[in-house]
N, C-alpha and C. Protein backbone atom coordinates (compact mmCIF):
# COMPACT_ATOMS: atom_id res chain seq x y z
N MET A 1 -1.71 3.13 -8.90
CA MET A 1 -1.57 4.31 -8.07
C MET A 1 -1.37 5.29 -9.09
N THR A 2 -1.71 7.32 -9.24
CA THR A 2 -1.84 7.98 -10.07
C THR A 2 0.00 8.40 -9.89
N GLN A 3 0.04 9.45 -11.33
CA GLN A 3 1.55 9.66 -11.33
C GLN A 3 1.71 10.42 -10.32
N THR A 4 0.58 11.67 -9.24
CA THR A 4 0.88 12.20 -8.61
C THR A 4 1.70 11.82 -7.23
N LYS A 5 0.48 10.44 -6.98
CA LYS A 5 0.89 9.70 -5.68
C LYS A 5 2.10 8.92 -5.82
N GLU A 6 2.17 8.55 -7.17
CA GLU A 6 4.11 7.73 -6.77
C GLU A 6 4.90 9.03 -6.76
N ARG A 7 5.09 10.02 -7.74
CA ARG A 7 5.92 11.37 -7.23
C ARG A 7 5.59 11.80 -5.69
N ILE A 8 4.88 11.73 -5.18
CA ILE A 8 4.68 11.65 -3.54
C ILE A 8 5.38 11.07 -2.62
N ILE A 9 5.23 9.44 -3.03
CA ILE A 9 5.90 8.71 -2.12
C ILE A 9 7.33 8.41 -2.45
N THR A 10 7.37 8.98 -4.01
CA THR A 10 8.79 9.26 -4.41
C THR A 10 10.29 10.20 -3.28
N SER A 11 9.01 11.19 -3.53
CA SER A 11 9.61 11.98 -2.57
C SER A 11 9.83 12.20 -1.48
N ALA A 12 8.69 11.44 -0.63
CA ALA A 12 8.64 10.90 0.96
C ALA A 12 9.82 10.00 1.22
N ILE A 13 10.03 8.63 0.77
CA ILE A 13 11.21 8.21 0.41
C ILE A 13 12.50 8.80 0.18
N ASN A 14 12.95 9.34 -0.38
CA ASN A 14 13.81 10.66 -0.57
C ASN A 14 14.08 11.61 0.66
N LEU A 15 13.32 11.84 0.90
CA LEU A 15 13.21 12.50 2.27
C LEU A 15 13.63 11.87 3.64
N PHE A 16 13.14 10.62 3.60
CA PHE A 16 12.88 10.02 4.73
C PHE A 16 14.82 9.34 4.80
N ASN A 17 15.01 9.51 3.57
CA ASN A 17 16.72 8.55 3.35
C ASN A 17 17.79 9.86 3.66
N GLU A 18 16.87 11.24 3.59
CA GLU A 18 18.43 11.72 3.98
C GLU A 18 18.28 12.78 5.06
N HIS A 19 17.07 12.78 5.50
CA HIS A 19 16.96 13.31 6.94
C HIS A 19 16.05 12.50 7.85
N GLY A 20 15.67 10.96 8.28
CA GLY A 20 15.17 10.51 8.72
C GLY A 20 13.85 10.64 8.71
N PHE A 21 13.28 9.23 9.28
CA PHE A 21 11.68 9.09 8.95
C PHE A 21 11.29 10.08 9.78
N VAL A 22 11.27 10.35 10.93
CA VAL A 22 10.64 11.12 12.31
C VAL A 22 11.07 12.75 11.97
N ASN A 23 11.73 12.81 11.04
CA ASN A 23 11.78 14.20 10.90
C ASN A 23 11.66 14.91 9.48
N VAL A 24 10.53 14.13 8.60
CA VAL A 24 10.21 14.74 7.68
C VAL A 24 8.84 14.99 7.87
N ARG A 25 8.32 16.43 7.78
CA ARG A 25 6.98 16.57 7.77
C ARG A 25 6.45 16.63 6.49
N LEU A 26 5.04 16.22 6.59
CA LEU A 26 3.96 16.64 5.35
C LEU A 26 4.55 18.12 4.25
N GLN A 27 4.98 18.93 5.14
CA GLN A 27 5.16 20.71 4.69
C GLN A 27 6.56 20.52 3.93
N ASN A 28 7.40 19.45 4.27
CA ASN A 28 8.75 19.29 3.45
C ASN A 28 8.18 18.59 2.47
N ILE A 29 7.34 17.25 2.56
CA ILE A 29 7.49 17.12 1.10
C ILE A 29 6.52 17.63 0.13
N ALA A 30 5.61 18.39 0.49
CA ALA A 30 5.13 19.93 -0.33
C ALA A 30 6.22 20.40 -1.10
N ASP A 31 6.64 20.76 -0.10
CA ASP A 31 8.06 21.87 -0.62
C ASP A 31 8.79 21.38 -1.66
N ASP A 32 9.10 19.89 -1.37
CA ASP A 32 10.22 19.11 -2.14
C ASP A 32 9.20 19.20 -3.32
N LEU A 33 8.37 18.53 -3.65
CA LEU A 33 7.44 18.47 -4.88
C LEU A 33 6.60 20.16 -5.36
N LYS A 34 6.92 20.82 -4.44
CA LYS A 34 6.64 22.35 -5.04
C LYS A 34 5.22 22.30 -5.17
N ILE A 35 4.19 21.67 -4.20
CA ILE A 35 3.09 21.73 -4.36
C ILE A 35 2.09 22.41 -3.22
N SER A 36 1.01 22.77 -2.35
CA SER A 36 0.81 23.07 -1.51
C SER A 36 0.42 21.80 -0.27
N VAL A 37 0.51 22.09 0.79
CA VAL A 37 -0.02 20.71 1.13
C VAL A 37 -1.33 20.48 1.36
N GLY A 38 -2.15 21.11 0.99
CA GLY A 38 -3.47 20.97 0.78
C GLY A 38 -3.98 19.82 -0.15
N ASN A 39 -2.95 20.40 -1.44
CA ASN A 39 -2.70 19.31 -2.41
C ASN A 39 -2.40 18.40 -2.23
N LEU A 40 -1.22 17.88 -1.08
CA LEU A 40 -0.70 16.53 -0.83
C LEU A 40 -1.46 15.94 -0.04
N ALA A 41 -2.36 16.52 0.60
CA ALA A 41 -3.46 16.24 1.61
C ALA A 41 -4.72 15.61 0.85
N TYR A 42 -4.57 16.34 0.19
CA TYR A 42 -5.91 15.32 -0.77
C TYR A 42 -5.67 13.83 -1.20
N HIS A 43 -4.33 13.98 -1.75
CA HIS A 43 -3.82 12.71 -2.60
C HIS A 43 -3.59 11.62 -1.27
N PHE A 44 -2.99 12.29 0.31
CA PHE A 44 -2.56 11.44 1.18
C PHE A 44 -3.21 11.90 2.26
N LYS A 45 -4.12 11.29 2.89
CA LYS A 45 -4.42 12.32 4.64
C LYS A 45 -3.66 12.76 5.29
N ASN A 46 -2.45 11.83 5.41
CA ASN A 46 -1.41 12.12 6.45
C ASN A 46 0.00 11.69 6.14
N LYS A 47 0.57 11.63 7.30
CA LYS A 47 1.99 11.35 6.60
C LYS A 47 1.91 9.76 6.95
N GLU A 48 1.27 9.00 8.13
CA GLU A 48 0.83 7.81 8.16
C GLU A 48 0.41 7.08 6.44
N ALA A 49 -0.28 7.61 6.00
CA ALA A 49 -0.92 7.45 4.82
C ALA A 49 0.04 7.30 4.24
N ILE A 50 1.05 7.96 3.76
CA ILE A 50 2.37 8.30 3.30
C ILE A 50 3.61 6.85 3.15
N VAL A 51 3.20 6.83 4.55
CA VAL A 51 4.39 5.89 5.28
C VAL A 51 3.90 4.30 4.78
N SER A 52 2.59 4.08 5.14
CA SER A 52 2.28 2.90 4.69
C SER A 52 2.99 2.74 3.22
N LYS A 53 1.77 3.74 2.51
CA LYS A 53 2.16 3.40 1.32
C LYS A 53 3.46 3.00 0.82
N ALA A 54 4.27 3.96 1.34
CA ALA A 54 5.93 3.38 1.18
C ALA A 54 6.11 1.74 1.69
N TYR A 55 5.65 1.63 2.84
CA TYR A 55 5.72 0.28 3.51
C TYR A 55 5.42 -1.03 2.32
N GLU A 56 4.35 -0.72 1.74
CA GLU A 56 3.84 -1.12 0.70
C GLU A 56 4.95 -1.35 -0.45
N GLN A 57 5.16 -0.54 -0.63
CA GLN A 57 6.20 -0.71 -1.87
C GLN A 57 7.66 -1.72 -1.46
N ILE A 58 8.04 -1.29 -0.19
CA ILE A 58 8.94 -1.61 0.18
C ILE A 58 8.87 -3.38 0.42
N GLY A 59 7.50 -3.70 0.96
CA GLY A 59 7.07 -4.86 1.04
C GLY A 59 6.99 -5.55 -0.55
N GLN A 60 6.66 -5.15 -1.10
CA GLN A 60 6.62 -5.51 -2.83
C GLN A 60 8.38 -5.72 -3.03
N GLU A 61 9.15 -4.96 -2.62
CA GLU A 61 10.47 -5.00 -3.14
C GLU A 61 11.31 -6.29 -2.14
N LEU A 62 10.79 -6.50 -0.75
CA LEU A 62 11.49 -7.54 -0.46
C LEU A 62 10.72 -8.80 -0.71
N ALA A 63 9.46 -8.72 -1.47
CA ALA A 63 9.08 -10.03 -1.72
C ALA A 63 9.80 -10.49 -3.03
N THR A 64 9.99 -9.39 -3.86
CA THR A 64 10.93 -10.01 -4.72
C THR A 64 12.16 -10.57 -4.21
N ILE A 65 12.95 -9.92 -3.42
CA ILE A 65 14.24 -10.52 -2.98
C ILE A 65 14.02 -12.30 -2.30
N LEU A 66 12.86 -12.48 -1.51
CA LEU A 66 12.78 -13.88 -0.88
C LEU A 66 12.25 -14.59 -2.32
N SER A 67 11.78 -13.44 -3.52
CA SER A 67 11.11 -15.18 -4.15
C SER A 67 12.36 -15.20 -5.24
N SER A 68 13.46 -14.76 -4.86
CA SER A 68 14.87 -15.06 -5.81
C SER A 68 15.56 -16.61 -4.99
N TYR A 69 15.29 -16.62 -4.15
CA TYR A 69 15.59 -18.04 -3.28
C TYR A 69 15.02 -19.34 -4.24
N ARG A 70 14.15 -19.39 -4.62
CA ARG A 70 13.22 -20.53 -5.32
C ARG A 70 13.65 -20.70 -6.78
N ALA A 71 14.66 -19.60 -7.03
CA ALA A 71 15.55 -20.06 -8.17
C ALA A 71 16.35 -20.85 -8.32
N SER A 72 17.06 -21.10 -7.13
CA SER A 72 18.35 -21.84 -6.69
C SER A 72 18.84 -21.55 -5.59
N PRO A 73 18.66 -22.83 -4.74
CA PRO A 73 18.79 -22.47 -3.35
C PRO A 73 20.37 -22.98 -2.62
N ASP A 74 21.01 -22.92 -3.54
CA ASP A 74 23.11 -23.04 -3.75
C ASP A 74 23.59 -21.79 -3.30
N LEU A 75 24.75 -21.99 -2.96
CA LEU A 75 25.34 -20.76 -2.67
C LEU A 75 25.85 -19.69 -3.62
N ARG A 76 25.92 -20.61 -4.81
CA ARG A 76 26.13 -19.60 -5.94
C ARG A 76 25.36 -18.66 -6.46
N ASP A 77 23.81 -18.89 -6.08
CA ASP A 77 22.72 -17.71 -6.58
C ASP A 77 22.75 -17.06 -4.86
N LEU A 78 23.70 -16.99 -3.69
CA LEU A 78 23.36 -16.26 -2.74
C LEU A 78 24.18 -14.95 -3.01
N ASP A 79 24.89 -15.33 -3.46
CA ASP A 79 25.66 -13.90 -4.09
C ASP A 79 24.98 -13.11 -4.93
N TYR A 80 24.13 -13.30 -5.47
CA TYR A 80 22.90 -12.71 -6.54
C TYR A 80 22.06 -12.00 -5.59
N GLN A 81 21.59 -12.85 -4.52
CA GLN A 81 20.25 -12.66 -3.33
C GLN A 81 21.03 -11.72 -2.58
N LEU A 82 22.49 -11.49 -2.27
CA LEU A 82 22.66 -10.79 -1.70
C LEU A 82 22.98 -9.40 -2.42
N GLY A 83 23.47 -9.16 -3.27
CA GLY A 83 23.53 -7.99 -4.34
C GLY A 83 22.34 -7.71 -4.13
N MET A 84 21.08 -8.56 -4.22
CA MET A 84 19.84 -7.54 -4.30
C MET A 84 19.34 -7.08 -2.67
N TYR A 85 19.49 -7.56 -1.77
CA TYR A 85 19.73 -6.88 -0.74
C TYR A 85 20.35 -5.90 -0.55
N TYR A 86 21.63 -5.79 -1.26
CA TYR A 86 22.55 -4.64 -1.04
C TYR A 86 21.85 -3.54 -1.94
N GLN A 87 21.11 -3.20 -2.85
CA GLN A 87 20.45 -2.39 -3.62
C GLN A 87 19.35 -1.85 -2.79
N PHE A 88 18.48 -2.76 -2.00
CA PHE A 88 17.72 -2.40 -1.38
C PHE A 88 18.13 -1.73 -0.13
N ILE A 89 19.11 -2.09 0.39
CA ILE A 89 19.92 -1.27 0.87
C ILE A 89 20.29 0.29 0.76
N LYS A 90 20.44 0.31 -0.27
CA LYS A 90 20.81 1.89 -0.70
C LYS A 90 19.88 2.63 -1.43
N LYS A 91 18.57 1.40 -1.54
CA LYS A 91 17.41 2.36 -2.31
C LYS A 91 16.89 3.07 -0.99
N PHE A 92 16.61 2.09 -0.16
CA PHE A 92 15.96 2.34 1.42
C PHE A 92 16.44 2.60 2.67
N PRO A 93 17.93 3.10 2.73
CA PRO A 93 18.46 3.28 3.69
C PRO A 93 17.65 3.53 5.33
N PHE A 94 16.55 4.17 5.40
CA PHE A 94 15.85 4.61 5.99
C PHE A 94 15.31 3.51 6.66
N TYR A 95 15.01 2.51 5.91
CA TYR A 95 14.29 1.15 6.29
C TYR A 95 15.27 0.62 7.78
N PHE A 96 16.63 0.99 7.34
CA PHE A 96 17.05 0.21 8.67
C PHE A 96 17.46 1.40 9.61
N ILE A 97 18.11 2.49 9.38
CA ILE A 97 18.36 3.10 10.50
C ILE A 97 17.33 3.86 11.58
N ASP A 98 16.06 4.03 10.44
CA ASP A 98 14.97 4.49 11.41
C ASP A 98 14.13 3.03 12.32
N ILE A 99 14.77 1.64 12.89
CA ILE A 99 13.98 1.02 12.82
C ILE A 99 13.37 1.37 14.43
N LEU A 100 13.83 1.76 15.33
CA LEU A 100 13.37 1.99 16.25
C LEU A 100 11.99 3.33 16.47
N GLU A 101 12.28 4.29 15.27
CA GLU A 101 11.11 5.06 15.39
C GLU A 101 10.21 4.16 14.90
N VAL A 102 10.03 3.28 13.59
CA VAL A 102 9.19 2.55 13.36
C VAL A 102 8.72 1.88 14.14
N LYS A 103 9.41 0.96 14.45
CA LYS A 103 8.60 0.20 16.07
C LYS A 103 7.96 1.69 17.33
N ARG A 104 8.20 2.39 17.50
CA ARG A 104 7.52 3.05 18.17
C ARG A 104 6.43 3.67 17.86
N ASN A 105 6.17 4.32 16.73
CA ASN A 105 5.42 4.63 16.15
C ASN A 105 4.28 4.27 15.42
N HIS A 106 4.89 3.14 15.11
CA HIS A 106 3.74 2.38 13.75
C HIS A 106 4.25 0.82 13.96
N PRO A 107 3.76 0.41 15.14
CA PRO A 107 4.08 -1.21 15.55
C PRO A 107 3.77 -2.06 14.30
N HIS A 108 2.98 -1.81 13.27
CA HIS A 108 2.04 -3.27 12.74
C HIS A 108 2.83 -2.68 11.60
N LEU A 109 3.76 -1.60 10.96
CA LEU A 109 4.78 -2.13 10.50
C LEU A 109 6.13 -2.75 10.76
N HIS A 110 6.33 -2.48 12.31
CA HIS A 110 7.10 -3.03 13.18
C HIS A 110 7.32 -4.76 12.62
N ASP A 111 5.49 -5.41 12.94
CA ASP A 111 5.71 -6.43 12.80
C ASP A 111 5.59 -7.09 11.71
N GLU A 112 5.12 -6.22 10.36
CA GLU A 112 6.06 -6.85 8.87
C GLU A 112 7.47 -6.79 8.91
N ARG A 113 8.32 -6.48 9.19
CA ARG A 113 9.52 -6.15 9.22
C ARG A 113 9.66 -7.38 10.40
N LYS A 114 9.66 -8.07 11.45
CA LYS A 114 9.72 -8.81 12.12
C LYS A 114 9.64 -10.25 11.20
N ASP A 115 7.78 -10.24 10.47
CA ASP A 115 7.81 -11.14 9.82
C ASP A 115 8.36 -11.29 8.96
N PHE A 116 9.57 -10.49 7.90
CA PHE A 116 10.35 -10.35 6.87
C PHE A 116 11.63 -11.10 7.35
N ILE A 117 11.83 -10.90 8.51
CA ILE A 117 13.49 -11.09 9.22
C ILE A 117 13.01 -12.44 9.57
N CYS A 118 11.93 -12.89 9.67
CA CYS A 118 11.74 -14.51 9.96
C CYS A 118 11.51 -15.20 8.58
N LYS A 119 11.28 -15.01 7.59
CA LYS A 119 11.23 -15.55 6.09
C LYS A 119 12.57 -15.72 5.64
N MET A 120 13.40 -14.27 5.98
CA MET A 120 15.04 -14.27 5.53
C MET A 120 15.45 -15.45 5.91
N ARG A 121 15.61 -14.95 7.79
CA ARG A 121 16.12 -16.33 8.04
C ARG A 121 15.91 -17.52 7.78
N ILE A 122 14.40 -18.06 7.80
CA ILE A 122 14.16 -19.46 7.39
C ILE A 122 15.31 -19.85 6.25
N GLN A 123 14.78 -18.74 5.13
CA GLN A 123 15.74 -18.96 3.71
C GLN A 123 17.05 -19.29 4.18
N PHE A 124 17.78 -18.47 4.55
CA PHE A 124 18.96 -18.84 4.92
C PHE A 124 18.95 -20.31 5.68
N GLU A 125 18.41 -20.38 6.69
CA GLU A 125 18.73 -21.68 7.31
C GLU A 125 18.71 -23.15 6.04
N LYS A 126 17.29 -22.79 5.42
CA LYS A 126 17.75 -23.96 4.34
C LYS A 126 18.09 -23.75 2.95
N ARG A 127 19.12 -22.68 3.31
CA ARG A 127 19.89 -22.69 1.81
C ARG A 127 21.68 -23.09 2.55
N LEU A 128 21.43 -23.05 3.67
CA LEU A 128 22.67 -23.73 4.30
C LEU A 128 22.07 -25.34 4.74
N GLU A 129 21.31 -25.74 5.32
CA GLU A 129 20.95 -27.16 5.11
C GLU A 129 21.01 -27.68 3.67
N TYR A 130 21.05 -27.33 3.30
CA TYR A 130 20.87 -27.73 1.70
C TYR A 130 22.21 -28.23 0.93
N ASN A 131 23.06 -26.88 1.39
CA ASN A 131 24.37 -27.19 0.74
C ASN A 131 25.15 -28.01 1.92
N LYS A 132 24.84 -28.46 3.44
CA LYS A 132 25.53 -29.11 3.80
C LYS A 132 25.45 -30.40 3.43
N SER A 133 23.53 -30.66 3.27
CA SER A 133 23.62 -31.96 2.72
C SER A 133 24.00 -32.50 0.91
N ARG A 134 24.18 -31.36 0.51
CA ARG A 134 25.16 -31.45 -0.66
C ARG A 134 26.89 -31.93 -0.74
N GLY A 135 26.89 -31.72 0.74
CA GLY A 135 28.53 -31.87 1.09
C GLY A 135 29.39 -30.59 0.80
N ILE A 136 28.81 -29.48 0.84
CA ILE A 136 29.27 -27.98 0.57
C ILE A 136 29.79 -27.75 1.30
N ILE A 137 29.27 -27.64 2.67
CA ILE A 137 29.09 -27.09 3.98
C ILE A 137 29.51 -27.94 4.44
N LYS A 138 30.58 -28.25 5.72
CA LYS A 138 31.05 -28.93 6.69
C LYS A 138 30.03 -29.53 7.20
N GLU A 139 30.36 -31.23 6.91
CA GLU A 139 29.09 -32.16 7.47
C GLU A 139 29.07 -32.18 9.38
N SER A 140 30.41 -31.02 9.99
CA SER A 140 30.54 -31.02 11.38
C SER A 140 29.43 -30.05 11.94
N MET A 141 28.81 -29.24 10.65
CA MET A 141 28.28 -28.27 11.35
C MET A 141 26.87 -28.81 11.79
N ASN A 142 26.74 -28.46 13.04
CA ASN A 142 25.33 -28.90 13.58
C ASN A 142 24.23 -27.83 13.25
N ASP A 143 22.78 -28.49 13.55
CA ASP A 143 21.50 -27.55 13.43
C ASP A 143 21.82 -26.20 14.07
N GLN A 144 22.54 -26.37 15.21
CA GLN A 144 22.55 -25.34 16.15
C GLN A 144 23.53 -24.03 15.63
N HIS A 145 24.82 -24.87 14.59
CA HIS A 145 25.67 -23.64 13.92
C HIS A 145 24.88 -23.21 13.23
N ILE A 146 24.23 -23.58 12.64
CA ILE A 146 23.85 -23.60 11.14
C ILE A 146 22.78 -22.45 11.33
N SER A 147 21.86 -22.65 12.84
CA SER A 147 20.50 -21.54 13.03
C SER A 147 21.53 -20.19 13.21
N GLN A 148 22.12 -20.31 14.12
CA GLN A 148 23.25 -19.37 14.47
C GLN A 148 24.20 -18.38 13.40
N VAL A 149 24.32 -19.12 12.50
CA VAL A 149 25.18 -18.73 10.87
C VAL A 149 23.66 -17.79 10.37
N ALA A 150 22.28 -18.46 10.15
CA ALA A 150 21.20 -17.96 9.27
C ALA A 150 20.86 -16.28 10.58
N ASP A 151 20.92 -16.55 11.60
CA ASP A 151 20.58 -15.57 12.61
C ASP A 151 21.50 -14.14 12.14
N ASN A 152 22.98 -14.64 12.28
CA ASN A 152 24.09 -13.47 12.24
C ASN A 152 23.84 -13.17 10.96
N MET A 153 23.68 -13.68 9.72
CA MET A 153 23.50 -13.25 8.69
C MET A 153 22.04 -12.36 8.84
N CYS A 154 21.07 -12.44 9.23
CA CYS A 154 20.02 -11.43 9.35
C CYS A 154 20.25 -10.14 9.81
N THR A 155 21.39 -10.54 10.92
CA THR A 155 21.74 -9.51 11.82
C THR A 155 22.35 -8.44 11.12
N ILE A 156 23.46 -9.05 10.05
CA ILE A 156 24.05 -8.29 9.57
C ILE A 156 23.67 -7.40 8.78
N ILE A 157 22.61 -8.24 7.73
CA ILE A 157 21.76 -6.94 6.89
C ILE A 157 21.05 -6.40 7.63
N THR A 158 20.67 -6.30 8.56
CA THR A 158 19.53 -5.46 9.24
C THR A 158 20.48 -4.52 9.31
N PHE A 159 21.39 -4.69 10.03
CA PHE A 159 22.48 -3.17 10.86
C PHE A 159 23.74 -2.87 10.25
N TRP A 160 23.86 -3.35 9.08
CA TRP A 160 25.46 -3.39 8.07
C TRP A 160 24.75 -1.85 7.87
N TYR A 161 24.31 -1.41 7.06
CA TYR A 161 24.01 0.19 6.53
C TYR A 161 24.34 1.13 7.87
N THR A 162 23.50 0.87 9.00
CA THR A 162 23.28 1.85 10.09
C THR A 162 25.24 1.71 10.97
N CYS A 163 25.98 0.49 10.68
CA CYS A 163 27.07 0.86 11.07
C CYS A 163 28.45 1.19 10.46
N GLN A 164 27.79 1.25 8.77
CA GLN A 164 28.67 2.20 7.92
C GLN A 164 28.26 3.86 8.04
N ALA A 165 27.10 3.63 8.41
CA ALA A 165 26.87 5.21 8.60
C ALA A 165 27.89 5.60 10.05
N ILE A 166 27.66 4.96 10.92
CA ILE A 166 28.12 5.68 12.10
C ILE A 166 29.72 5.51 11.92
N LYS A 167 30.29 4.76 11.09
CA LYS A 167 31.68 4.95 11.28
C LYS A 167 32.57 5.60 10.05
N SER A 168 31.08 6.17 9.39
CA SER A 168 31.22 7.39 8.26
C SER A 168 32.11 6.26 6.90
N GLU A 169 31.90 5.37 7.08
CA GLU A 169 32.58 4.56 6.28
C GLU A 169 31.62 4.39 4.54
N LYS A 170 32.23 4.61 3.40
CA LYS A 170 30.94 4.41 2.26
C LYS A 170 30.88 3.26 2.17
N GLU A 171 29.96 3.01 1.44
CA GLU A 171 28.61 1.54 1.55
C GLU A 171 29.82 1.10 0.34
N LYS A 172 29.83 -0.02 0.53
CA LYS A 172 29.78 -0.82 -1.16
C LYS A 172 29.58 -2.53 -0.90
N ALA A 173 29.44 -2.48 -2.06
CA ALA A 173 28.65 -4.07 -2.54
C ALA A 173 29.53 -4.74 -1.83
N GLY A 174 31.05 -4.76 -2.27
CA GLY A 174 31.74 -6.25 -1.81
C GLY A 174 31.93 -5.98 -0.10
N ASN A 175 32.06 -4.67 0.26
CA ASN A 175 32.29 -5.23 1.64
C ASN A 175 30.51 -5.80 2.09
N PHE A 176 29.72 -5.46 2.21
CA PHE A 176 28.82 -5.57 2.29
C PHE A 176 28.23 -7.50 2.45
N LYS A 177 28.61 -7.92 0.99
CA LYS A 177 29.13 -9.43 0.79
C LYS A 177 29.71 -9.84 2.04
N ASN A 178 31.01 -9.25 1.91
CA ASN A 178 32.09 -9.83 2.87
C ASN A 178 31.77 -10.21 3.95
N SER A 179 30.84 -9.13 4.82
CA SER A 179 30.20 -8.92 5.98
C SER A 179 29.28 -10.11 6.29
N VAL A 180 28.87 -10.25 5.33
CA VAL A 180 27.35 -11.83 5.27
C VAL A 180 28.17 -12.67 5.09
């Protein structure tokens, strides 16, 4: 990707984070970069092309987070992975706040999000099962409980930032990790 395209994507992400995904127009991005809309359109045909490229970057970062599981499935490594999720949330808050807008306007991107959440959930479930087999998690925790805990962890990760924004609370990594 060219340096100009990278600057456009960075600007768009920053504006999406600040103003919300649906409130950002090509003109806003061009103004932020101090370029013309025509110059912007030379690099990206429309907002959808910018959004797709931004989501490509998001997908790469999510893949990195998911791959961190392979390093160690024990609970000590869970703290590291949650830290990665927290940094992701701070970098891309619009990804969490604008969930319904993306679902309405870009169903294919919403499908990608659902796939990611499914992979995240499976990872949490496998991590819990592994630690149960090692005796770290109570043996009385059955498969249904493990499944529910994995679902709850995904729900918290997906909606934690939105809840913090609604409550006007400053987000903190410790609060995030304790919530999960």
